């Protein structure tokens, strides 16, 4: 389900977070679905359990999942909405950045190139 690129500049825990968010947005993981255990997934991905624990802790801190002692972690019922709000905030930040760049006389073509390059990089990381 998850694929880790150990050669990537993106930290492994961030790759895990991004992939879980993608699975939720694509409705592959739904509310109340159980996430893989730290022990099982760290073994399958050949990564340190602490790295996976860090990703899970961040997902939990952001309300995307929750844990029940002895049972594991589950996708929260609000996960898709939380991710959607994060997307809207990111778009707002991008709009502000584009506005600032334009006020610094960065050309339209340069801004478009920056956005395209960033988008392409995000899709390969």
Protein backbone atom coordinates (compact mmCIF):
# COMPACT_ATOMS: atom_id res chain seq x y z
CA UNK A 1 0.00 0.00 0.00
CA UNK A 2 2.78 2.47 0.93
CA UNK A 3 5.99 2.89 -1.03
CA UNK A 4 9.08 4.52 0.43
CA UNK A 5 11.85 6.08 -1.62
CA UNK A 6 14.92 5.91 0.59
CA UNK A 7 16.87 7.96 -1.99
CA UNK A 8 14.42 10.87 -1.83
CA UNK A 9 15.27 14.17 -0.16
CA UNK A 10 11.85 14.00 1.51
CA UNK A 11 12.12 12.44 4.98
CA UNK A 12 10.55 9.00 5.24
CA UNK A 13 8.01 10.05 7.88
CA UNK A 14 6.82 12.86 5.55
CA UNK A 15 6.49 10.38 2.66
CA UNK A 16 4.31 8.20 4.90
CA UNK A 17 2.11 11.13 5.95
CA UNK A 18 1.69 12.28 2.35
CA UNK A 19 0.79 8.79 1.15
CA UNK A 20 -1.75 8.22 3.92
CA UNK A 21 -3.37 11.58 3.13
CA UNK A 22 -3.49 10.62 -0.55
CA UNK A 23 -5.10 7.27 0.27
CA UNK A 24 -7.73 9.05 2.36
CA UNK A 25 -8.45 11.73 -0.27
CA UNK A 26 -8.76 9.03 -2.96
CA UNK A 27 -11.20 7.20 -0.66
CA UNK A 28 -9.00 4.10 -0.62
CA UNK A 29 -8.86 4.50 3.16
CA UNK A 30 -12.18 5.48 4.68
CA UNK A 31 -13.28 6.72 8.08
CA UNK A 32 -12.78 4.08 10.78
CA UNK A 33 -10.43 1.97 8.62
CA UNK A 34 -7.58 0.57 10.67
CA UNK A 35 -4.01 1.65 9.87
CA UNK A 36 -1.28 -0.97 9.78
CA UNK A 37 0.48 -1.52 13.09
CA UNK A 38 3.84 0.16 13.61
CA UNK A 39 5.55 -3.21 14.01
CA UNK A 40 4.02 -4.76 10.89
CA UNK A 41 4.44 -1.76 8.57
CA UNK A 42 7.96 -0.90 9.72
CA UNK A 43 8.93 -4.50 8.98
CA UNK A 44 7.24 -4.46 5.54
CA UNK A 45 8.85 -1.15 4.59
CA UNK A 46 12.19 -1.99 6.22
CA UNK A 47 12.21 1.24 8.20
CA UNK A 48 12.85 2.10 11.81
CA UNK A 49 9.65 1.77 13.89
CA UNK A 50 10.40 5.17 15.45
CA UNK A 51 10.14 6.77 12.00
CA UNK A 52 6.72 5.26 11.48
CA UNK A 53 5.70 6.20 15.01
CA UNK A 54 6.66 9.81 14.23
CA UNK A 55 4.45 9.81 11.12
CA UNK A 56 1.53 8.26 13.02
CA UNK A 57 1.94 10.73 15.87
CA UNK A 58 1.80 13.65 13.45
CA UNK A 59 -1.26 12.23 11.70
CA UNK A 60 -2.90 11.81 15.09
CA UNK A 61 -1.91 15.33 16.25
CA UNK A 62 -3.56 16.72 13.10
CA UNK A 63 -6.76 14.76 13.72
CA UNK A 64 -6.39 12.50 10.71
CA UNK A 65 -6.28 9.35 12.79
CA UNK A 66 -6.86 8.34 16.37
CA UNK A 67 -5.71 5.45 18.51
CA UNK A 68 -7.46 3.10 20.86
CA UNK A 69 -5.20 1.41 23.39
CA UNK A 70 -4.76 -2.24 22.53
CA UNK A 71 -6.67 -1.98 19.24
CA UNK A 72 -4.54 0.27 17.06
CA UNK A 73 -4.98 3.41 14.99
CA UNK A 74 -7.95 4.28 12.84
CA UNK A 75 -8.80 6.92 10.23
CA UNK A 76 -10.87 9.63 11.90
CA UNK A 77 -14.33 10.47 10.60
CA UNK A 78 -13.16 14.04 9.90
CA UNK A 79 -9.93 13.08 8.12
CA UNK A 80 -11.05 14.02 4.60
CA UNK A 81 -12.43 17.35 5.81
CA UNK A 82 -9.21 18.13 7.70
CA UNK A 83 -7.13 17.37 4.61
CA UNK A 84 -9.49 19.49 2.48
CA UNK A 85 -9.08 22.46 4.87
CA UNK A 86 -5.31 22.02 4.72
CA UNK A 87 -5.51 22.12 0.92
CA UNK A 88 -7.54 25.35 1.03
CA UNK A 89 -5.01 26.91 3.42
CA UNK A 90 -2.18 25.89 1.08
CA UNK A 91 -3.95 27.46 -1.89
CA UNK A 92 -4.40 30.68 0.09
CA UNK A 93 -0.69 30.71 0.96
CA UNK A 94 0.17 30.15 -2.71
CA UNK A 95 -2.05 33.06 -3.74
CA UNK A 96 -0.32 35.29 -1.18
CA UNK A 97 3.09 34.14 -2.41
CA UNK A 98 2.20 34.81 -6.04
CA UNK A 99 0.93 38.27 -5.09
CA UNK A 100 4.19 38.99 -3.22
CA UNK A 101 6.30 37.74 -6.11
CA UNK A 102 4.37 39.95 -8.53
CA UNK A 103 4.96 42.99 -6.31
CA UNK A 104 8.70 42.19 -6.47
CA UNK A 105 8.45 42.36 -10.28
CA UNK A 106 8.82 38.64 -10.80
CA UNK A 107 7.33 38.02 -14.23
CA UNK A 108 4.22 35.97 -14.87
CA UNK A 109 6.28 33.44 -16.84
CA UNK A 110 8.77 33.08 -13.97
CA UNK A 111 5.95 32.52 -11.48
CA UNK A 112 4.32 29.92 -13.73
CA UNK A 113 7.68 28.15 -14.11
CA UNK A 114 8.19 28.11 -10.33
CA UNK A 115 4.71 26.67 -9.80
CA UNK A 116 5.19 24.06 -12.56
CA UNK A 117 8.64 23.04 -11.26
CA UNK A 118 7.34 22.77 -7.70
CA UNK A 119 4.35 20.73 -8.85
CA UNK A 120 6.52 18.39 -10.89
CA UNK A 121 8.94 17.94 -7.98
CA UNK A 122 6.08 17.15 -5.60
CA UNK A 123 4.77 14.47 -7.96
CA UNK A 124 8.17 12.76 -8.18
CA UNK A 125 9.02 12.93 -4.45
